[in-house]
Amino acid sequence: MARLIGFLLMVVVASSLGVVASQHQARKLYSAVERETQRARQLEVEWGQLQLEQSTWAAHARVEKLAREKLVMRPPQSGQIVAIEERP
């Protein structure tokens, strides 16, 4: 009878340690998920900022102004334009 009680006590202690270990693991994983979710939000904000910056840098008026001022470019004269038509 004493052996049975000792065995059952060891089973209870082992299962208790298993519960504690699994709860600890679950908390660690939950913490990791929360960190990654926060990082995903930060990346979404950064992506939006980069898209806005790209649209600003690629704005037609800005590109045209830089072409005129820094590259000294100008639109072609009407006699310099050649139209090419695609044949079916």
PDB file of N, CA and C in Angstrom:
ATOM      1  N   MET A   1       0.812  -1.180   0.000  1.00  0.00           N
ATOM      2  CA  MET A   1       0.000   0.000   0.000  1.00  0.00           C
ATOM      3  C   MET A   1       0.869   1.263   0.000  1.00  0.00           C
ATOM      4  N   ALA A   2       1.959   1.210   0.754  1.00  0.00           N
ATOM      5  CA  ALA A   2       2.867   2.359   0.812  1.00  0.00           C
ATOM      6  C   ALA A   2       3.527   2.587  -0.544  1.00  0.00           C
ATOM      7  N   ARG A   3       3.829   1.490  -1.241  1.00  0.00           N
ATOM      8  CA  ARG A   3       4.410   1.623  -2.575  1.00  0.00           C
ATOM      9  C   ARG A   3       3.423   2.267  -3.540  1.00  0.00           C
ATOM     10  N   LEU A   4       2.176   1.897  -3.453  1.00  0.00           N
ATOM     11  CA  LEU A   4       1.143   2.470  -4.320  1.00  0.00           C
ATOM     12  C   LEU A   4       0.992   3.966  -4.059  1.00  0.00           C
ATOM     13  N   ILE A   5       0.993   4.342  -2.786  1.00  0.00           N
ATOM     14  CA  ILE A   5       0.876   5.763  -2.429  1.00  0.00           C
ATOM     15  C   ILE A   5       2.116   6.518  -2.929  1.00  0.00           C
ATOM     16  N   GLY A   6       3.289   5.942  -2.769  1.00  0.00           N
ATOM     17  CA  GLY A   6       4.524   6.571  -3.259  1.00  0.00           C
ATOM     18  C   GLY A   6       4.510   6.711  -4.767  1.00  0.00           C
ATOM     19  N   PHE A   7       4.054   5.686  -5.466  1.00  0.00           N
ATOM     20  CA  PHE A   7       3.959   5.744  -6.929  1.00  0.00           C
ATOM     21  C   PHE A   7       2.966   6.820  -7.374  1.00  0.00           C
ATOM     22  N   LEU A   8       1.803   6.842  -6.732  1.00  0.00           N
ATOM     23  CA  LEU A   8       0.796   7.855  -7.083  1.00  0.00           C
ATOM     24  C   LEU A   8       1.303   9.256  -6.777  1.00  0.00           C
ATOM     25  N   LEU A   9       2.031   9.423  -5.691  1.00  0.00           N
ATOM     26  CA  LEU A   9       2.602  10.728  -5.355  1.00  0.00           C
ATOM     27  C   LEU A   9       3.603  11.160  -6.430  1.00  0.00           C
ATOM     28  N   MET A  10       4.434  10.226  -6.905  1.00  0.00           N
ATOM     29  CA  MET A  10       5.396  10.551  -7.964  1.00  0.00           C
ATOM     30  C   MET A  10       4.669  10.902  -9.263  1.00  0.00           C
ATOM     31  N   VAL A  11       3.576  10.217  -9.576  1.00  0.00           N
ATOM     32  CA  VAL A  11       2.797  10.518 -10.775  1.00  0.00           C
ATOM     33  C   VAL A  11       2.189  11.917 -10.669  1.00  0.00           C
ATOM     34  N   VAL A  12       1.671  12.254  -9.490  1.00  0.00           N
ATOM     35  CA  VAL A  12       1.081  13.585  -9.289  1.00  0.00           C
ATOM     36  C   VAL A  12       2.148  14.657  -9.422  1.00  0.00           C
ATOM     37  N   VAL A  13       3.310  14.449  -8.832  1.00  0.00           N
ATOM     38  CA  VAL A  13       4.395  15.437  -8.927  1.00  0.00           C
ATOM     39  C   VAL A  13       4.852  15.569 -10.375  1.00  0.00           C
ATOM     40  N   ALA A  14       5.006  14.471 -11.071  1.00  0.00           N
ATOM     41  CA  ALA A  14       5.447  14.514 -12.460  1.00  0.00           C
ATOM     42  C   ALA A  14       4.426  15.231 -13.338  1.00  0.00           C
ATOM     43  N   SER A  15       3.146  14.946 -13.140  1.00  0.00           N
ATOM     44  CA  SER A  15       2.132  15.615 -13.953  1.00  0.00           C
ATOM     45  C   SER A  15       2.048  17.101 -13.605  1.00  0.00           C
ATOM     46  N   SER A  16       2.271  17.443 -12.340  1.00  0.00           N
ATOM     47  CA  SER A  16       2.285  18.859 -11.945  1.00  0.00           C
ATOM     48  C   SER A  16       3.434  19.592 -12.622  1.00  0.00           C
ATOM     49  N   LEU A  17       4.601  18.958 -12.648  1.00  0.00           N
ATOM     50  CA  LEU A  17       5.745  19.572 -13.332  1.00  0.00           C
ATOM     51  C   LEU A  17       5.469  19.702 -14.829  1.00  0.00           C
ATOM     52  N   GLY A  18       4.789  18.727 -15.395  1.00  0.00           N
ATOM     53  CA  GLY A  18       4.432  18.804 -16.809  1.00  0.00           C
ATOM     54  C   GLY A  18       3.490  19.962 -17.090  1.00  0.00           C
ATOM     55  N   VAL A  19       2.520  20.172 -16.202  1.00  0.00           N
ATOM     56  CA  VAL A  19       1.585  21.292 -16.364  1.00  0.00           C
ATOM     57  C   VAL A  19       2.318  22.613 -16.264  1.00  0.00           C
ATOM     58  N   VAL A  20       3.203  22.735 -15.282  1.00  0.00           N
ATOM     59  CA  VAL A  20       3.967  23.977 -15.114  1.00  0.00           C
ATOM     60  C   VAL A  20       4.833  24.234 -16.342  1.00  0.00           C
ATOM     61  N   ALA A  21       5.497  23.198 -16.838  1.00  0.00           N
ATOM     62  CA  ALA A  21       6.360  23.361 -18.014  1.00  0.00           C
ATOM     63  C   ALA A  21       5.535  23.753 -19.240  1.00  0.00           C
ATOM     64  N   SER A  22       4.388  23.132 -19.426  1.00  0.00           N
ATOM     65  CA  SER A  22       3.574  23.467 -20.604  1.00  0.00           C
ATOM     66  C   SER A  22       2.997  24.874 -20.497  1.00  0.00           C
ATOM     67  N   GLN A  23       2.621  25.313 -19.286  1.00  0.00           N
ATOM     68  CA  GLN A  23       2.133  26.688 -19.124  1.00  0.00           C
ATOM     69  C   GLN A  23       3.251  27.691 -19.400  1.00  0.00           C
ATOM     70  N   HIS A  24       4.451  27.374 -18.940  1.00  0.00           N
ATOM     71  CA  HIS A  24       5.590  28.255 -19.196  1.00  0.00           C
ATOM     72  C   HIS A  24       5.859  28.356 -20.699  1.00  0.00           C
ATOM     73  N   GLN A  25       5.829  27.230 -21.377  1.00  0.00           N
ATOM     74  CA  GLN A  25       6.044  27.219 -22.826  1.00  0.00           C
ATOM     75  C   GLN A  25       4.952  28.009 -23.545  1.00  0.00           C
ATOM     76  N   ALA A  26       3.714  27.843 -23.106  1.00  0.00           N
ATOM     77  CA  ALA A  26       2.601  28.568 -23.730  1.00  0.00           C
ATOM     78  C   ALA A  26       2.776  30.071 -23.541  1.00  0.00           C
ATOM     79  N   ARG A  27       3.214  30.493 -22.377  1.00  0.00           N
ATOM     80  CA  ARG A  27       3.430  31.927 -22.131  1.00  0.00           C
ATOM     81  C   ARG A  27       4.570  32.468 -22.982  1.00  0.00           C
ATOM     82  N   LYS A  28       5.634  31.682 -23.123  1.00  0.00           N
ATOM     83  CA  LYS A  28       6.742  32.109 -23.973  1.00  0.00           C
ATOM     84  C   LYS A  28       6.283  32.262 -25.422  1.00  0.00           C
ATOM     85  N   LEU A  29       5.509  31.300 -25.898  1.00  0.00           N
ATOM     86  CA  LEU A  29       5.031  31.366 -27.283  1.00  0.00           C
ATOM     87  C   LEU A  29       4.069  32.534 -27.485  1.00  0.00           C
ATOM     88  N   TYR A  30       3.213  32.786 -26.510  1.00  0.00           N
ATOM     89  CA  TYR A  30       2.288  33.912 -26.608  1.00  0.00           C
ATOM     90  C   TYR A  30       3.058  35.228 -26.656  1.00  0.00           C
ATOM     91  N   SER A  31       4.091  35.323 -25.830  1.00  0.00           N
ATOM     92  CA  SER A  31       4.930  36.521 -25.827  1.00  0.00           C
ATOM     93  C   SER A  31       5.606  36.710 -27.183  1.00  0.00           C
ATOM     94  N   ALA A  32       6.090  35.618 -27.760  1.00  0.00           N
ATOM     95  CA  ALA A  32       6.730  35.702 -29.072  1.00  0.00           C
ATOM     96  C   ALA A  32       5.736  36.130 -30.148  1.00  0.00           C
ATOM     97  N   VAL A  33       4.526  35.615 -30.083  1.00  0.00           N
ATOM     98  CA  VAL A  33       3.489  36.009 -31.049  1.00  0.00           C
ATOM     99  C   VAL A  33       3.180  37.494 -30.916  1.00  0.00           C
ATOM    100  N   GLU A  34       3.072  37.982 -29.699  1.00  0.00           N
ATOM    101  CA  GLU A  34       2.796  39.406 -29.488  1.00  0.00           C
ATOM    102  C   GLU A  34       3.926  40.281 -30.024  1.00  0.00           C
ATOM    103  N   ARG A  35       5.171  39.861 -29.787  1.00  0.00           N
ATOM    104  CA  ARG A  35       6.309  40.623 -30.315  1.00  0.00           C
ATOM    105  C   ARG A  35       6.277  40.673 -31.839  1.00  0.00           C
ATOM    106  N   GLU A  36       6.002  39.537 -32.467  1.00  0.00           N
ATOM    107  CA  GLU A  36       5.972  39.487 -33.934  1.00  0.00           C
ATOM    108  C   GLU A  36       4.791  40.273 -34.496  1.00  0.00           C
ATOM    109  N   THR A  37       3.678  40.265 -33.778  1.00  0.00           N
ATOM    110  CA  THR A  37       2.522  41.064 -34.214  1.00  0.00           C
ATOM    111  C   THR A  37       2.855  42.546 -34.168  1.00  0.00           C
ATOM    112  N   GLN A  38       3.535  42.969 -33.096  1.00  0.00           N
ATOM    113  CA  GLN A  38       3.945  44.370 -32.981  1.00  0.00           C
ATOM    114  C   GLN A  38       4.933  44.724 -34.089  1.00  0.00           C
ATOM    115  N   ARG A  39       5.846  43.826 -34.371  1.00  0.00           N
ATOM    116  CA  ARG A  39       6.818  44.065 -35.450  1.00  0.00           C
ATOM    117  C   ARG A  39       6.113  44.164 -36.801  1.00  0.00           C
ATOM    118  N   ALA A  40       5.095  43.330 -37.008  1.00  0.00           N
ATOM    119  CA  ALA A  40       4.331  43.391 -38.259  1.00  0.00           C
ATOM    120  C   ALA A  40       3.636  44.744 -38.392  1.00  0.00           C
ATOM    121  N   ARG A  41       3.091  45.230 -37.288  1.00  0.00           N
ATOM    122  CA  ARG A  41       2.448  46.565 -37.331  1.00  0.00           C
ATOM    123  C   ARG A  41       3.462  47.642 -37.668  1.00  0.00           C
ATOM    124  N   GLN A  42       4.640  47.560 -37.052  1.00  0.00           N
ATOM    125  CA  GLN A  42       5.685  48.551 -37.342  1.00  0.00           C
ATOM    126  C   GLN A  42       6.102  48.493 -38.814  1.00  0.00           C
ATOM    127  N   LEU A  43       6.212  47.294 -39.347  1.00  0.00           N
ATOM    128  CA  LEU A  43       6.586  47.148 -40.755  1.00  0.00           C
ATOM    129  C   LEU A  43       5.500  47.685 -41.682  1.00  0.00           C
ATOM    130  N   GLU A  44       4.239  47.509 -41.311  1.00  0.00           N
ATOM    131  CA  GLU A  44       3.150  48.059 -42.123  1.00  0.00           C
ATOM    132  C   GLU A  44       3.207  49.576 -42.142  1.00  0.00           C
ATOM    133  N   VAL A  45       3.489  50.181 -40.989  1.00  0.00           N
ATOM    134  CA  VAL A  45       3.606  51.645 -40.925  1.00  0.00           C
ATOM    135  C   VAL A  45       4.780  52.110 -41.775  1.00  0.00           C
ATOM    136  N   GLU A  46       5.918  51.414 -41.648  1.00  0.00           N
ATOM    137  CA  GLU A  46       7.098  51.776 -42.434  1.00  0.00           C
ATOM    138  C   GLU A  46       6.825  51.611 -43.930  1.00  0.00           C
ATOM    139  N   TRP A  47       6.104  50.560 -44.310  1.00  0.00           N
ATOM    140  CA  TRP A  47       5.765  50.333 -45.721  1.00  0.00           C
ATOM    141  C   TRP A  47       4.913  51.486 -46.248  1.00  0.00           C
ATOM    142  N   GLY A  48       3.943  51.919 -45.464  1.00  0.00           N
ATOM    143  CA  GLY A  48       3.118  53.050 -45.880  1.00  0.00           C
ATOM    144  C   GLY A  48       3.938  54.313 -46.051  1.00  0.00           C
ATOM    145  N   GLN A  49       4.871  54.541 -45.134  1.00  0.00           N
ATOM    146  CA  GLN A  49       5.725  55.725 -45.238  1.00  0.00           C
ATOM    147  C   GLN A  49       6.617  55.646 -46.481  1.00  0.00           C
ATOM    148  N   LEU A  50       7.129  54.466 -46.765  1.00  0.00           N
ATOM    149  CA  LEU A  50       7.967  54.307 -47.954  1.00  0.00           C
ATOM    150  C   LEU A  50       7.177  54.496 -49.241  1.00  0.00           C
ATOM    151  N   GLN A  51       5.945  54.014 -49.260  1.00  0.00           N
ATOM    152  CA  GLN A  51       5.111  54.226 -50.450  1.00  0.00           C
ATOM    153  C   GLN A  51       4.839  55.708 -50.659  1.00  0.00           C
ATOM    154  N   LEU A  52       4.567  56.418 -49.573  1.00  0.00           N
ATOM    155  CA  LEU A  52       4.332  57.858 -49.670  1.00  0.00           C
ATOM    156  C   LEU A  52       5.585  58.568 -50.160  1.00  0.00           C
ATOM    157  N   GLU A  53       6.728  58.177 -49.624  1.00  0.00           N
ATOM    158  CA  GLU A  53       7.985  58.786 -50.049  1.00  0.00           C
ATOM    159  C   GLU A  53       8.265  58.504 -51.524  1.00  0.00           C
ATOM    160  N   GLN A  54       7.995  57.276 -51.954  1.00  0.00           N
ATOM    161  CA  GLN A  54       8.219  56.927 -53.358  1.00  0.00           C
ATOM    162  C   GLN A  54       7.320  57.758 -54.267  1.00  0.00           C
ATOM    163  N   SER A  55       6.062  57.917 -53.884  1.00  0.00           N
ATOM    164  CA  SER A  55       5.163  58.704 -54.730  1.00  0.00           C
ATOM    165  C   SER A  55       5.592  60.166 -54.774  1.00  0.00           C
ATOM    166  N   THR A  56       6.167  60.652 -53.679  1.00  0.00           N
ATOM    167  CA  THR A  56       6.653  62.036 -53.663  1.00  0.00           C
ATOM    168  C   THR A  56       7.854  62.196 -54.594  1.00  0.00           C
ATOM    169  N   TRP A  57       8.819  61.264 -54.494  1.00  0.00           N
ATOM    170  CA  TRP A  57      10.015  61.359 -55.324  1.00  0.00           C
ATOM    171  C   TRP A  57       9.705  61.148 -56.799  1.00  0.00           C
ATOM    172  N   ALA A  58       8.675  60.361 -57.098  1.00  0.00           N
ATOM    173  CA  ALA A  58       8.372  60.044 -58.487  1.00  0.00           C
ATOM    174  C   ALA A  58       7.287  60.948 -59.077  1.00  0.00           C
ATOM    175  N   ALA A  59       6.895  61.983 -58.369  1.00  0.00           N
ATOM    176  CA  ALA A  59       5.853  62.877 -58.872  1.00  0.00           C
ATOM    177  C   ALA A  59       6.283  63.482 -60.212  1.00  0.00           C
ATOM    178  N   HIS A  60       5.351  63.554 -61.143  1.00  0.00           N
ATOM    179  CA  HIS A  60       5.658  64.009 -62.499  1.00  0.00           C
ATOM    180  C   HIS A  60       6.259  65.414 -62.494  1.00  0.00           C
ATOM    181  N   ALA A  61       5.686  66.311 -61.704  1.00  0.00           N
ATOM    182  CA  ALA A  61       6.179  67.691 -61.687  1.00  0.00           C
ATOM    183  C   ALA A  61       7.616  67.748 -61.173  1.00  0.00           C
ATOM    184  N   ARG A  62       7.941  66.952 -60.178  1.00  0.00           N
ATOM    185  CA  ARG A  62       9.301  66.938 -59.634  1.00  0.00           C
ATOM    186  C   ARG A  62      10.293  66.391 -60.652  1.00  0.00           C
ATOM    187  N   VAL A  63       9.926  65.301 -61.310  1.00  0.00           N
ATOM    188  CA  VAL A  63      10.808  64.704 -62.313  1.00  0.00           C
ATOM    189  C   VAL A  63      11.030  65.686 -63.462  1.00  0.00           C
ATOM    190  N   GLU A  64       9.974  66.339 -63.888  1.00  0.00           N
ATOM    191  CA  GLU A  64      10.106  67.301 -64.992  1.00  0.00           C
ATOM    192  C   GLU A  64      10.986  68.479 -64.583  1.00  0.00           C
ATOM    193  N   LYS A  65      10.806  68.960 -63.355  1.00  0.00           N
ATOM    194  CA  LYS A  65      11.612  70.087 -62.879  1.00  0.00           C
ATOM    195  C   LYS A  65      13.090  69.702 -62.832  1.00  0.00           C
ATOM    196  N   LEU A  66      13.401  68.519 -62.314  1.00  0.00           N
ATOM    197  CA  LEU A  66      14.789  68.074 -62.260  1.00  0.00           C
ATOM    198  C   LEU A  66      15.367  67.892 -63.664  1.00  0.00           C
ATOM    199  N   ALA A  67      14.558  67.365 -64.573  1.00  0.00           N
ATOM    200  CA  ALA A  67      15.033  67.177 -65.949  1.00  0.00           C
ATOM    201  C   ALA A  67      15.361  68.515 -66.594  1.00  0.00           C
ATOM    202  N   ARG A  68      14.534  69.496 -66.364  1.00  0.00           N
ATOM    203  CA  ARG A  68      14.780  70.820 -66.955  1.00  0.00           C
ATOM    204  C   ARG A  68      15.981  71.515 -66.313  1.00  0.00           C
ATOM    205  N   GLU A  69      16.055  71.483 -64.965  1.00  0.00           N
ATOM    206  CA  GLU A  69      17.077  72.268 -64.268  1.00  0.00           C
ATOM    207  C   GLU A  69      18.439  71.566 -64.227  1.00  0.00           C
ATOM    208  N   LYS A  70      18.474  70.318 -63.820  1.00  0.00           N
ATOM    209  CA  LYS A  70      19.763  69.649 -63.622  1.00  0.00           C
ATOM    210  C   LYS A  70      20.292  68.988 -64.892  1.00  0.00           C
ATOM    211  N   LEU A  71      19.411  68.435 -65.694  1.00  0.00           N
ATOM    212  CA  LEU A  71      19.854  67.741 -66.908  1.00  0.00           C
ATOM    213  C   LEU A  71      19.712  68.599 -68.160  1.00  0.00           C
ATOM    214  N   VAL A  72      19.181  69.783 -68.013  1.00  0.00           N
ATOM    215  CA  VAL A  72      18.970  70.721 -69.105  1.00  0.00           C
ATOM    216  C   VAL A  72      18.236  70.028 -70.251  1.00  0.00           C
ATOM    217  N   MET A  73      17.180  69.348 -69.940  1.00  0.00           N
ATOM    218  CA  MET A  73      16.367  68.676 -70.950  1.00  0.00           C
ATOM    219  C   MET A  73      15.191  69.572 -71.316  1.00  0.00           C
ATOM    220  N   ARG A  74      14.671  69.357 -72.511  1.00  0.00           N
ATOM    221  CA  ARG A  74      13.505  70.124 -72.960  1.00  0.00           C
ATOM    222  C   ARG A  74      12.661  69.218 -73.847  1.00  0.00           C
ATOM    223  N   PRO A  75      11.396  69.536 -73.986  1.00  0.00           N
ATOM    224  CA  PRO A  75      10.549  68.712 -74.861  1.00  0.00           C
ATOM    225  C   PRO A  75      11.028  68.814 -76.305  1.00  0.00           C
ATOM    226  N   PRO A  76      10.863  67.776 -77.103  1.00  0.00           N
ATOM    227  CA  PRO A  76      11.302  67.825 -78.503  1.00  0.00           C
ATOM    228  C   PRO A  76      10.417  68.773 -79.320  1.00  0.00           C
ATOM    229  N   GLN A  77      11.003  69.334 -80.353  1.00  0.00           N
ATOM    230  CA  GLN A  77      10.244  70.185 -81.262  1.00  0.00           C
ATOM    231  C   GLN A  77       9.315  69.284 -82.080  1.00  0.00           C
ATOM    232  N   SER A  78       8.300  69.869 -82.671  1.00  0.00           N
ATOM    233  CA  SER A  78       7.326  69.068 -83.416  1.00  0.00           C
ATOM    234  C   SER A  78       7.970  68.323 -84.588  1.00  0.00           C
ATOM    235  N   GLY A  79       9.004  68.852 -85.164  1.00  0.00           N
ATOM    236  CA  GLY A  79       9.680  68.196 -86.279  1.00  0.00           C
ATOM    237  C   GLY A  79      10.579  67.038 -85.834  1.00  0.00           C
ATOM    238  N   GLN A  80      10.866  66.945 -84.569  1.00  0.00           N
ATOM    239  CA  GLN A  80      11.744  65.896 -84.055  1.00  0.00           C
ATOM    240  C   GLN A  80      10.978  64.646 -83.614  1.00  0.00           C
ATOM    241  N   ILE A  81       9.675  64.708 -83.590  1.00  0.00           N
ATOM    242  CA  ILE A  81       8.864  63.594 -83.109  1.00  0.00           C
ATOM    243  C   ILE A  81       8.557  62.658 -84.265  1.00  0.00           C
ATOM    244  N   VAL A  82       8.812  61.372 -84.079  1.00  0.00           N
ATOM    245  CA  VAL A  82       8.533  60.358 -85.091  1.00  0.00           C
ATOM    246  C   VAL A  82       7.545  59.381 -84.474  1.00  0.00           C
ATOM    247  N   ALA A  83       6.411  59.174 -85.113  1.00  0.00           N
ATOM    248  CA  ALA A  83       5.404  58.235 -84.626  1.00  0.00           C
ATOM    249  C   ALA A  83       5.556  56.921 -85.356  1.00  0.00           C
ATOM    250  N   ILE A  84       5.547  55.839 -84.622  1.00  0.00           N
ATOM    251  CA  ILE A  84       5.663  54.496 -85.203  1.00  0.00           C
ATOM    252  C   ILE A  84       4.376  53.749 -84.899  1.00  0.00           C
ATOM    253  N   GLU A  85       3.733  53.249 -85.950  1.00  0.00           N
ATOM    254  CA  GLU A  85       2.494  52.532 -85.763  1.00  0.00           C
ATOM    255  C   GLU A  85       2.751  51.034 -85.815  1.00  0.00           C
ATOM    256  N   GLU A  86       2.060  50.318 -84.967  1.00  0.00           N
ATOM    257  CA  GLU A  86       2.205  48.870 -84.911  1.00  0.00           C
ATOM    258  C   GLU A  86       1.251  48.254 -85.941  1.00  0.00           C
ATOM    259  N   ARG A  87       1.756  47.317 -86.720  1.00  0.00           N
ATOM    260  CA  ARG A  87       0.911  46.655 -87.703  1.00  0.00           C
ATOM    261  C   ARG A  87       0.381  45.353 -87.097  1.00  0.00           C
ATOM    262  N   PRO A  88      -0.873  45.028 -87.406  1.00  0.00           N
ATOM    263  CA  PRO A  88      -1.459  43.788 -86.853  1.00  0.00           C
ATOM    264  C   PRO A  88      -0.889  42.530 -87.442  1.00  0.00           C
TER     265      PRO A  88
END
